[in-house]
C-alpha atoms as a PDB file:
ATOM      1  CA  MET A   1      -5.684   7.344  -2.777  1.00  0.00           C
ATOM      2  CA  ARG A   2      -7.742   5.375  -5.259  1.00  0.00           C
ATOM      3  CA  ILE A   3      -8.938   1.809  -5.129  1.00  0.00           C
ATOM      4  CA  LYS A   4     -10.522  -0.431  -7.741  1.00  0.00           C
ATOM      5  CA  LYS A   5     -12.246  -3.454  -6.249  1.00  0.00           C
ATOM      6  CA  THR A   6     -12.648  -6.728  -8.141  1.00  0.00           C
ATOM      7  CA  SER A   7     -14.538  -9.906  -7.321  1.00  0.00           C
ATOM      8  CA  ASP A   8     -11.489 -11.385  -5.563  1.00  0.00           C
ATOM      9  CA  GLY A   9      -9.249  -8.447  -4.648  1.00  0.00           C
ATOM     10  CA  TYR A  10      -8.336  -4.879  -5.525  1.00  0.00           C
ATOM     11  CA  THR A  11      -5.770  -2.504  -6.973  1.00  0.00           C
ATOM     12  CA  LEU A  12      -4.711   0.346  -4.700  1.00  0.00           C
ATOM     13  CA  TRP A  13      -2.990   3.505  -5.905  1.00  0.00           C
ATOM     14  CA  LEU A  14      -1.256   5.866  -3.488  1.00  0.00           C
ATOM     15  CA  SER A  15       0.089   9.187  -4.712  1.00  0.00           C
ATOM     16  CA  ALA A  16       3.442  10.635  -3.708  1.00  0.00           C
ATOM     17  CA  SER A  17       1.653  12.973  -1.308  1.00  0.00           C
ATOM     18  CA  ASP A  18      -0.297  10.020   0.179  1.00  0.00           C
ATOM     19  CA  THR A  19       2.913   8.141   0.964  1.00  0.00           C
ATOM     20  CA  TYR A  20       4.715  11.277   2.167  1.00  0.00           C
ATOM     21  CA  ASN A  21       1.880  12.222   4.515  1.00  0.00           C
ATOM     22  CA  TRP A  22       1.654   8.650   5.796  1.00  0.00           C
ATOM     23  CA  ALA A  23       5.400   8.455   6.520  1.00  0.00           C
ATOM     24  CA  HIS A  24       5.442  11.843   8.291  1.00  0.00           C
ATOM     25  CA  LYS A  25       2.239  11.536  10.322  1.00  0.00           C
ATOM     26  CA  PRO A  26       2.712  13.282  13.680  1.00  0.00           C
ATOM     27  CA  GLY A  27       2.974  10.760  16.479  1.00  0.00           C
ATOM     28  CA  ALA A  28       3.132   7.813  14.085  1.00  0.00           C
ATOM     29  CA  CYS A  29       5.900   8.629  11.597  1.00  0.00           C
ATOM     30  CA  TRP A  30       8.013   6.140   9.642  1.00  0.00           C
ATOM     31  CA  PRO A  31      11.406   7.921   9.845  1.00  0.00           C
ATOM     32  CA  CYS A  32      13.407   5.737   7.441  1.00  0.00           C
ATOM     33  CA  SER A  33      10.614   5.255   4.913  1.00  0.00           C
ATOM     34  CA  MET A  34      11.640   4.025   1.474  1.00  0.00           C
ATOM     35  CA  LEU A  35       8.126   4.735   0.158  1.00  0.00           C
ATOM     36  CA  ALA A  36       7.717   8.340   1.343  1.00  0.00           C
ATOM     37  CA  ASP A  37       7.104  10.704  -1.584  1.00  0.00           C
ATOM     38  CA  LYS A  38       6.815   7.776  -4.044  1.00  0.00           C
ATOM     39  CA  ARG A  39       3.793   6.701  -6.089  1.00  0.00           C
ATOM     40  CA  LEU A  40       2.661   3.185  -5.219  1.00  0.00           C
ATOM     41  CA  ARG A  41       0.382   0.755  -7.016  1.00  0.00           C
ATOM     42  CA  VAL A  42      -0.321  -2.676  -5.592  1.00  0.00           C
ATOM     43  CA  SER A  43      -2.668  -5.317  -6.972  1.00  0.00           C
ATOM     44  CA  VAL A  44      -3.878  -8.051  -4.639  1.00  0.00           C
ATOM     45  CA  ASP A  45      -6.189 -11.021  -5.077  1.00  0.00           C
ATOM     46  CA  SER A  46      -7.104 -14.023  -2.971  1.00  0.00           C
ATOM     47  CA  ASN A  47      -3.622 -15.474  -3.614  1.00  0.00           C
ATOM     48  CA  GLY A  48      -1.765 -12.346  -2.459  1.00  0.00           C
ATOM     49  CA  ILE A  49       0.168  -9.590  -4.242  1.00  0.00           C
ATOM     50  CA  TYR A  50       0.471 -10.121  -7.978  1.00  0.00           C
ATOM     51  CA  ASP A  51       1.743  -6.690  -9.031  1.00  0.00           C
ATOM     52  CA  LEU A  52       3.712  -3.967  -7.251  1.00  0.00           C
ATOM     53  CA  GLN A  53       4.942  -0.765  -8.846  1.00  0.00           C
ATOM     54  CA  ILE A  54       6.806   2.092  -7.229  1.00  0.00           C
ATOM     55  CA  ASP A  55       6.971   5.304  -9.249  1.00  0.00           C
ATOM     56  CA  GLY A  56       5.660   3.435 -12.290  1.00  0.00           C
ATOM     57  CA  ARG A  57       8.326   0.712 -12.253  1.00  0.00           C
ATOM     58  CA  ASP A  58       8.435  -2.793 -10.884  1.00  0.00           C
ATOM     59  CA  GLY A  59       9.647  -2.238  -7.388  1.00  0.00           C
ATOM     60  CA  ASP A  60      10.640  -3.727  -4.111  1.00  0.00           C
ATOM     61  CA  CYS A  61      10.595  -2.331  -0.607  1.00  0.00           C
ATOM     62  CA  PRO A  62      10.758  -3.611   2.959  1.00  0.00           C
ATOM     63  CA  ALA A  63       7.802  -5.921   3.606  1.00  0.00           C
ATOM     64  CA  ASP A  64       7.004  -4.372   6.990  1.00  0.00           C
ATOM     65  CA  GLU A  65       6.707  -0.896   5.495  1.00  0.00           C
ATOM     66  CA  LEU A  66       4.569  -2.138   2.606  1.00  0.00           C
ATOM     67  CA  GLN A  67       2.272  -3.979   5.018  1.00  0.00           C
ATOM     68  CA  ALA A  68       1.933  -0.894   7.221  1.00  0.00           C
ATOM     69  CA  VAL A  69       1.210   1.633   4.469  1.00  0.00           C
ATOM     70  CA  ILE A  70      -1.351  -0.637   2.790  1.00  0.00           C
ATOM     71  CA  ALA A  71      -3.033  -1.559   6.075  1.00  0.00           C
ATOM     72  CA  ASP A  72      -3.364   2.123   7.005  1.00  0.00           C
ATOM     73  CA  HIS A  73      -5.104   2.961   3.695  1.00  0.00           C
ATOM     74  CA  LEU A  74      -7.173  -0.160   3.061  1.00  0.00           C
ATOM     75  CA  PRO A  75     -10.978   0.031   3.356  1.00  0.00           C
ATOM     76  CA  ALA A  76     -12.502  -2.460   5.793  1.00  0.00           C
ATOM     77  CA  ASP A  77     -14.213  -4.514   3.090  1.00  0.00           C
ATOM     78  CA  CYS A  78     -10.858  -5.259   1.380  1.00  0.00           C
ATOM     79  CA  ARG A  79      -8.933  -6.275   4.490  1.00  0.00           C
ATOM     80  CA  LYS A  80      -9.709  -9.959   3.990  1.00  0.00           C
ATOM     81  CA  TYR A  81      -7.273  -9.915   1.039  1.00  0.00           C
ATOM     82  CA  TRP A  82      -4.396  -8.283   2.911  1.00  0.00           C
ATOM     83  CA  PRO A  83      -2.015 -10.461   4.994  1.00  0.00           C
ATOM     84  CA  VAL A  84      -1.950  -8.040   7.929  1.00  0.00           C
ATOM     85  CA  TRP A  85      -5.676  -8.618   8.455  1.00  0.00           C
ATOM     86  CA  ALA A  86      -5.704 -12.415   7.951  1.00  0.00           C
END
């Protein structure tokens, strides 16, 4: 996982192993994950998501899974920009 913070948001990168490990976490797995074993990049500012790429391409995935994987990786000081933490 990498994160680049800006004055009004951040860009978060999750590797394929990050998403795989997240989806297969013992006791808290996501069995039908569409993001497991995929690279994810999401850019967020005070207006919300403005860029989402999955495996280097513009992508789409279930909103609940995206919210969960981001929320589980997001540092506390960036949570004010993520809808789950609003």
